[in-house]
Amino acid sequence: MHTLKERIEIEGQNLGRGILKIDSFLNHQLDANLMEAIGADIAQRFAHTQPTRILTAEVSGIIPAVMTGKAMGNIPIVYARKHKPITMKEPVYIDSAPSHTKGGEVMLMVSPEFLHAEDRILIVDDFLASGRTIDALARIVQSSGATLLGIAAVVEKSFEGGREALEHWGVPIEAAATITSMDDGKIVVA
């Protein structure tokens, strides 16, 4: 995605320790047209898999997941909650992952009401870095008995090894843009 790569190069900020700030169009403020284009790109890459649901993590993965679901014919989007609301009845699918930007562990919960054994799941998230959040989402899919079809990210930071950490799932892994290095305060986009 040429437009996404340009936006990262122009607006992205390297905050050190592998943290890429792209809050001006994804993680705080959103560019709806760009998100729609990203969703269409991911949908095209995974159209052949015919998912029945898309799974993501709250909060920043929701918009790319929604746009992908819309582009795939309006399939349902399920997002793993980080805090259990009183409306979510036990039992729930739950797993944890460390948060690079927040520090500490983050719990991810999905109600069995929205994730079934017969589902075909595409995971869509904002970043693929270490792969730990996406791995936790994949374990939730596995716990539900559903079939994991693929993994998509808006931005992959390939130097953090997430793709390799997720290869054991045996599914296609795609990213709309890939950052190959953030050394010396730079942001190198593939």
C-alpha atoms as a PDB file:
ATOM      1  CA  MET A   1       0.000   0.000   0.000  1.00  0.00           C
ATOM      2  CA  HIS A   2       1.827   2.979  -1.340  1.00  0.00           C
ATOM      3  CA  THR A   3      -0.306   5.593   0.471  1.00  0.00           C
ATOM      4  CA  LEU A   4       0.185   3.933   3.853  1.00  0.00           C
ATOM      5  CA  LYS A   5       3.945   3.725   3.324  1.00  0.00           C
ATOM      6  CA  GLU A   6       4.066   7.428   2.418  1.00  0.00           C
ATOM      7  CA  ARG A   7       2.060   8.381   5.500  1.00  0.00           C
ATOM      8  CA  ILE A   8       4.402   6.374   7.739  1.00  0.00           C
ATOM      9  CA  GLU A   9       7.449   8.054   6.187  1.00  0.00           C
ATOM     10  CA  ILE A  10       5.962  11.556   6.488  1.00  0.00           C
ATOM     11  CA  GLU A  11       4.024  11.376   9.781  1.00  0.00           C
ATOM     12  CA  GLY A  12       5.552   8.440  11.658  1.00  0.00           C
ATOM     13  CA  GLN A  13       7.682   9.155  14.700  1.00  0.00           C
ATOM     14  CA  ASN A  14      10.330   6.823  16.032  1.00  0.00           C
ATOM     15  CA  LEU A  15      10.015   7.094  19.830  1.00  0.00           C
ATOM     16  CA  GLY A  16      12.853   4.650  20.490  1.00  0.00           C
ATOM     17  CA  ARG A  17      12.766   1.085  21.831  1.00  0.00           C
ATOM     18  CA  GLY A  18      10.935   0.002  18.658  1.00  0.00           C
ATOM     19  CA  ILE A  19       7.888   2.177  19.293  1.00  0.00           C
ATOM     20  CA  LEU A  20       6.405   3.721  16.136  1.00  0.00           C
ATOM     21  CA  LYS A  21       3.945   6.555  16.694  1.00  0.00           C
ATOM     22  CA  ILE A  22       1.418   6.871  13.885  1.00  0.00           C
ATOM     23  CA  ASP A  23      -1.309   8.449  15.980  1.00  0.00           C
ATOM     24  CA  SER A  24      -2.185  10.994  13.296  1.00  0.00           C
ATOM     25  CA  PHE A  25      -3.922   8.368  11.148  1.00  0.00           C
ATOM     26  CA  LEU A  26      -4.297   5.091  13.074  1.00  0.00           C
ATOM     27  CA  ASN A  27      -3.821   4.861  16.825  1.00  0.00           C
ATOM     28  CA  HIS A  28      -5.470   8.045  18.092  1.00  0.00           C
ATOM     29  CA  GLN A  29      -6.830  10.037  15.190  1.00  0.00           C
ATOM     30  CA  LEU A  30      -8.142   8.082  12.201  1.00  0.00           C
ATOM     31  CA  ASP A  31      -8.049   8.708   8.490  1.00  0.00           C
ATOM     32  CA  ALA A  32     -11.266   7.020   7.334  1.00  0.00           C
ATOM     33  CA  ASN A  33     -10.297   6.950   3.652  1.00  0.00           C
ATOM     34  CA  LEU A  34      -6.928   5.396   4.417  1.00  0.00           C
ATOM     35  CA  MET A  35      -8.533   2.845   6.768  1.00  0.00           C
ATOM     36  CA  GLU A  36     -11.057   1.961   4.062  1.00  0.00           C
ATOM     37  CA  ALA A  37      -8.232   1.438   1.547  1.00  0.00           C
ATOM     38  CA  ILE A  38      -6.313  -0.723   4.037  1.00  0.00           C
ATOM     39  CA  GLY A  39      -9.440  -2.794   4.700  1.00  0.00           C
ATOM     40  CA  ALA A  40      -9.936  -3.297   0.966  1.00  0.00           C
ATOM     41  CA  ASP A  41      -6.283  -4.314   0.571  1.00  0.00           C
ATOM     42  CA  ILE A  42      -6.476  -6.898   3.362  1.00  0.00           C
ATOM     43  CA  ALA A  43      -9.841  -8.156   2.081  1.00  0.00           C
ATOM     44  CA  GLN A  44      -8.394  -8.680  -1.386  1.00  0.00           C
ATOM     45  CA  ARG A  45      -5.412 -10.593   0.003  1.00  0.00           C
ATOM     46  CA  PHE A  46      -7.663 -12.958   2.002  1.00  0.00           C
ATOM     47  CA  ALA A  47     -10.778 -13.126  -0.216  1.00  0.00           C
ATOM     48  CA  HIS A  48     -10.031 -16.742  -1.166  1.00  0.00           C
ATOM     49  CA  THR A  49     -10.177 -17.862   2.494  1.00  0.00           C
ATOM     50  CA  GLN A  50     -13.854 -16.921   2.942  1.00  0.00           C
ATOM     51  CA  PRO A  51     -13.839 -16.111   6.679  1.00  0.00           C
ATOM     52  CA  THR A  52     -17.089 -16.054   8.639  1.00  0.00           C
ATOM     53  CA  ARG A  53     -15.722 -13.659  11.284  1.00  0.00           C
ATOM     54  CA  ILE A  54     -12.784 -11.343  11.841  1.00  0.00           C
ATOM     55  CA  LEU A  55     -11.110 -11.268  15.254  1.00  0.00           C
ATOM     56  CA  THR A  56      -9.056  -8.374  16.599  1.00  0.00           C
ATOM     57  CA  ALA A  57      -7.957  -6.834  19.880  1.00  0.00           C
ATOM     58  CA  GLU A  58      -9.402  -3.689  21.376  1.00  0.00           C
ATOM     59  CA  VAL A  59      -8.812  -0.777  20.639  1.00  0.00           C
ATOM     60  CA  SER A  60      -6.586   0.063  17.665  1.00  0.00           C
ATOM     61  CA  GLY A  61      -7.320  -3.124  15.718  1.00  0.00           C
ATOM     62  CA  ILE A  62     -11.049  -2.445  15.569  1.00  0.00           C
ATOM     63  CA  ILE A  63     -11.150   0.084  12.712  1.00  0.00           C
ATOM     64  CA  PRO A  64      -8.905  -1.897  10.301  1.00  0.00           C
ATOM     65  CA  ALA A  65     -10.892  -5.035  11.166  1.00  0.00           C
ATOM     66  CA  VAL A  66     -14.225  -3.287  10.539  1.00  0.00           C
ATOM     67  CA  MET A  67     -13.042  -1.910   7.210  1.00  0.00           C
ATOM     68  CA  THR A  68     -11.793  -5.363   6.203  1.00  0.00           C
ATOM     69  CA  GLY A  69     -15.097  -6.950   7.221  1.00  0.00           C
ATOM     70  CA  LYS A  70     -17.034  -4.349   5.257  1.00  0.00           C
ATOM     71  CA  ALA A  71     -14.890  -4.954   2.173  1.00  0.00           C
ATOM     72  CA  MET A  72     -15.450  -8.720   2.531  1.00  0.00           C
ATOM     73  CA  GLY A  73     -19.225  -8.369   2.350  1.00  0.00           C
ATOM     74  CA  ASN A  74     -19.970  -7.105   5.838  1.00  0.00           C
ATOM     75  CA  ILE A  75     -18.874 -10.128   7.849  1.00  0.00           C
ATOM     76  CA  PRO A  76     -19.032  -9.826  11.657  1.00  0.00           C
ATOM     77  CA  ILE A  77     -16.117  -8.363  13.615  1.00  0.00           C
ATOM     78  CA  VAL A  78     -15.352  -9.698  17.091  1.00  0.00           C
ATOM     79  CA  TYR A  79     -12.905  -7.852  19.276  1.00  0.00           C
ATOM     80  CA  ALA A  80     -11.196  -9.274  22.306  1.00  0.00           C
ATOM     81  CA  ARG A  81     -12.009  -7.110  25.307  1.00  0.00           C
ATOM     82  CA  LYS A  82      -9.316  -6.049  27.756  1.00  0.00           C
ATOM     83  CA  HIS A  83     -11.756  -5.572  30.625  1.00  0.00           C
ATOM     84  CA  LYS A  84     -14.688  -7.863  31.321  1.00  0.00           C
ATOM     85  CA  PRO A  85     -17.990  -5.955  31.261  1.00  0.00           C
ATOM     86  CA  ILE A  86     -20.839  -7.099  33.484  1.00  0.00           C
ATOM     87  CA  THR A  87     -22.731  -8.072  30.328  1.00  0.00           C
ATOM     88  CA  MET A  88     -20.147 -10.748  29.450  1.00  0.00           C
ATOM     89  CA  LYS A  89     -21.244 -13.997  31.045  1.00  0.00           C
ATOM     90  CA  GLU A  90     -18.896 -16.760  32.167  1.00  0.00           C
ATOM     91  CA  PRO A  91     -17.267 -18.784  30.852  1.00  0.00           C
ATOM     92  CA  VAL A  92     -15.184 -16.712  28.438  1.00  0.00           C
ATOM     93  CA  TYR A  93     -12.226 -17.464  26.214  1.00  0.00           C
ATOM     94  CA  ILE A  94      -9.304 -15.687  27.818  1.00  0.00           C
ATOM     95  CA  ASP A  95      -5.596 -15.342  27.159  1.00  0.00           C
ATOM     96  CA  SER A  96      -2.906 -12.781  27.933  1.00  0.00           C
ATOM     97  CA  ALA A  97      -0.159 -10.980  26.095  1.00  0.00           C
ATOM     98  CA  PRO A  98       2.489  -8.457  27.118  1.00  0.00           C
ATOM     99  CA  SER A  99       1.865  -4.907  25.928  1.00  0.00           C
ATOM    100  CA  HIS A 100       4.908  -3.159  24.477  1.00  0.00           C
ATOM    101  CA  THR A 101       3.347   0.303  24.609  1.00  0.00           C
ATOM    102  CA  LYS A 102       1.459  -0.020  27.907  1.00  0.00           C
ATOM    103  CA  GLY A 103       3.887  -2.230  29.810  1.00  0.00           C
ATOM    104  CA  GLY A 104       2.731  -5.301  31.695  1.00  0.00           C
ATOM    105  CA  GLU A 105       0.311  -8.039  30.709  1.00  0.00           C
ATOM    106  CA  VAL A 106      -2.988  -7.405  28.946  1.00  0.00           C
ATOM    107  CA  MET A 107      -5.853  -9.855  29.304  1.00  0.00           C
ATOM    108  CA  LEU A 108      -7.876 -10.575  26.159  1.00  0.00           C
ATOM    109  CA  MET A 109     -11.402 -11.964  26.520  1.00  0.00           C
ATOM    110  CA  VAL A 110     -13.967 -13.141  23.988  1.00  0.00           C
ATOM    111  CA  SER A 111     -17.456 -14.378  24.756  1.00  0.00           C
ATOM    112  CA  PRO A 112     -18.293 -17.839  23.355  1.00  0.00           C
ATOM    113  CA  GLU A 113     -21.518 -16.182  22.221  1.00  0.00           C
ATOM    114  CA  PHE A 114     -19.540 -14.601  19.355  1.00  0.00           C
ATOM    115  CA  LEU A 115     -16.919 -17.244  18.527  1.00  0.00           C
ATOM    116  CA  HIS A 116     -18.093 -20.715  17.514  1.00  0.00           C
ATOM    117  CA  ALA A 117     -16.394 -23.972  16.574  1.00  0.00           C
ATOM    118  CA  GLU A 118     -17.794 -23.767  13.029  1.00  0.00           C
ATOM    119  CA  ASP A 119     -16.359 -20.282  12.438  1.00  0.00           C
ATOM    120  CA  ARG A 120     -13.557 -19.530   9.982  1.00  0.00           C
ATOM    121  CA  ILE A 121     -11.471 -16.729  11.491  1.00  0.00           C
ATOM    122  CA  LEU A 122      -9.222 -14.064  10.005  1.00  0.00           C
ATOM    123  CA  ILE A 123      -7.228 -12.120  12.608  1.00  0.00           C
ATOM    124  CA  VAL A 124      -6.671  -8.436  11.758  1.00  0.00           C
ATOM    125  CA  ASP A 125      -4.677  -6.120  14.035  1.00  0.00           C
ATOM    126  CA  ASP A 126      -2.970  -2.737  13.829  1.00  0.00           C
ATOM    127  CA  PHE A 127       0.604  -3.924  14.444  1.00  0.00           C
ATOM    128  CA  LEU A 128       2.565  -7.132  14.066  1.00  0.00           C
ATOM    129  CA  ALA A 129       5.690  -6.643  16.176  1.00  0.00           C
ATOM    130  CA  SER A 130       6.670  -9.443  18.557  1.00  0.00           C
ATOM    131  CA  GLY A 131       3.532 -11.360  17.594  1.00  0.00           C
ATOM    132  CA  ARG A 132       2.483 -11.951  21.188  1.00  0.00           C
ATOM    133  CA  THR A 133      -0.917 -10.229  21.015  1.00  0.00           C
ATOM    134  CA  ILE A 134      -1.795 -11.963  17.766  1.00  0.00           C
ATOM    135  CA  ASP A 135      -0.547 -15.272  19.186  1.00  0.00           C
ATOM    136  CA  ALA A 136      -2.915 -14.803  22.157  1.00  0.00           C
ATOM    137  CA  LEU A 137      -5.784 -14.125  19.730  1.00  0.00           C
ATOM    138  CA  ALA A 138      -4.874 -17.278  17.791  1.00  0.00           C
ATOM    139  CA  ARG A 139      -4.910 -19.297  21.025  1.00  0.00           C
ATOM    140  CA  ILE A 140      -8.405 -17.945  21.713  1.00  0.00           C
ATOM    141  CA  VAL A 141      -9.457 -19.123  18.240  1.00  0.00           C
ATOM    142  CA  GLN A 142      -7.935 -22.517  19.005  1.00  0.00           C
ATOM    143  CA  SER A 143      -9.748 -22.692  22.372  1.00  0.00           C
ATOM    144  CA  SER A 144     -13.067 -22.033  20.651  1.00  0.00           C
ATOM    145  CA  GLY A 145     -12.517 -24.855  18.164  1.00  0.00           C
ATOM    146  CA  ALA A 146     -12.828 -22.413  15.246  1.00  0.00           C
ATOM    147  CA  THR A 147     -10.493 -22.529  12.255  1.00  0.00           C
ATOM    148  CA  LEU A 148      -7.780 -19.891  11.924  1.00  0.00           C
ATOM    149  CA  LEU A 149      -7.448 -18.902   8.249  1.00  0.00           C
ATOM    150  CA  GLY A 150      -4.902 -16.105   8.288  1.00  0.00           C
ATOM    151  CA  ILE A 151      -3.323 -13.157  10.048  1.00  0.00           C
ATOM    152  CA  ALA A 152      -3.213  -9.580   8.769  1.00  0.00           C
ATOM    153  CA  ALA A 153      -1.670  -6.425  10.189  1.00  0.00           C
ATOM    154  CA  VAL A 154      -1.724  -2.833   9.079  1.00  0.00           C
ATOM    155  CA  VAL A 155       1.976  -2.410   9.960  1.00  0.00           C
ATOM    156  CA  GLU A 156       4.564  -5.116  10.523  1.00  0.00           C
ATOM    157  CA  LYS A 157       7.825  -4.332  12.280  1.00  0.00           C
ATOM    158  CA  SER A 158       9.765  -7.220  10.736  1.00  0.00           C
ATOM    159  CA  PHE A 159      12.852  -6.638  12.882  1.00  0.00           C
ATOM    160  CA  GLU A 160      10.911  -7.711  16.018  1.00  0.00           C
ATOM    161  CA  GLY A 161      10.416 -11.306  14.807  1.00  0.00           C
ATOM    162  CA  GLY A 162       6.637 -11.534  15.102  1.00  0.00           C
ATOM    163  CA  ARG A 163       6.122 -13.251  11.763  1.00  0.00           C
ATOM    164  CA  GLU A 164       8.543 -16.002  12.753  1.00  0.00           C
ATOM    165  CA  ALA A 165       6.857 -16.333  16.167  1.00  0.00           C
ATOM    166  CA  LEU A 166       3.499 -16.903  14.428  1.00  0.00           C
ATOM    167  CA  GLU A 167       4.604 -19.303  11.695  1.00  0.00           C
ATOM    168  CA  HIS A 168       3.699 -22.294  13.878  1.00  0.00           C
ATOM    169  CA  TRP A 169       0.021 -21.543  13.133  1.00  0.00           C
ATOM    170  CA  GLY A 170       0.612 -22.527   9.504  1.00  0.00           C
ATOM    171  CA  VAL A 171      -1.538 -19.763   8.016  1.00  0.00           C
ATOM    172  CA  PRO A 172      -0.773 -16.887   5.630  1.00  0.00           C
ATOM    173  CA  ILE A 173       0.532 -13.726   7.314  1.00  0.00           C
ATOM    174  CA  GLU A 174       0.164 -10.407   5.482  1.00  0.00           C
ATOM    175  CA  ALA A 175       0.899  -6.752   6.260  1.00  0.00           C
ATOM    176  CA  ALA A 176      -0.186  -3.625   4.422  1.00  0.00           C
ATOM    177  CA  ALA A 177       3.196  -2.008   5.205  1.00  0.00           C
ATOM    178  CA  THR A 178       6.449  -3.364   6.621  1.00  0.00           C
ATOM    179  CA  ILE A 179       9.014  -1.489   8.689  1.00  0.00           C
ATOM    180  CA  THR A 180      12.416  -3.168   8.327  1.00  0.00           C
ATOM    181  CA  SER A 181      14.411  -1.008  10.744  1.00  0.00           C
ATOM    182  CA  MET A 182      14.054   1.714  13.327  1.00  0.00           C
ATOM    183  CA  ASP A 183      17.757   2.049  14.134  1.00  0.00           C
ATOM    184  CA  ASP A 184      19.360   5.436  14.789  1.00  0.00           C
ATOM    185  CA  GLY A 185      15.998   7.202  15.108  1.00  0.00           C
ATOM    186  CA  LYS A 186      15.054   6.378  11.514  1.00  0.00           C
ATOM    187  CA  ILE A 187      12.006   4.578  10.122  1.00  0.00           C
ATOM    188  CA  VAL A 188      12.841   2.336   7.165  1.00  0.00           C
ATOM    189  CA  VAL A 189       9.789   1.186   5.210  1.00  0.00           C
ATOM    190  CA  ALA A 190      10.160  -1.803   2.837  1.00  0.00           C
END
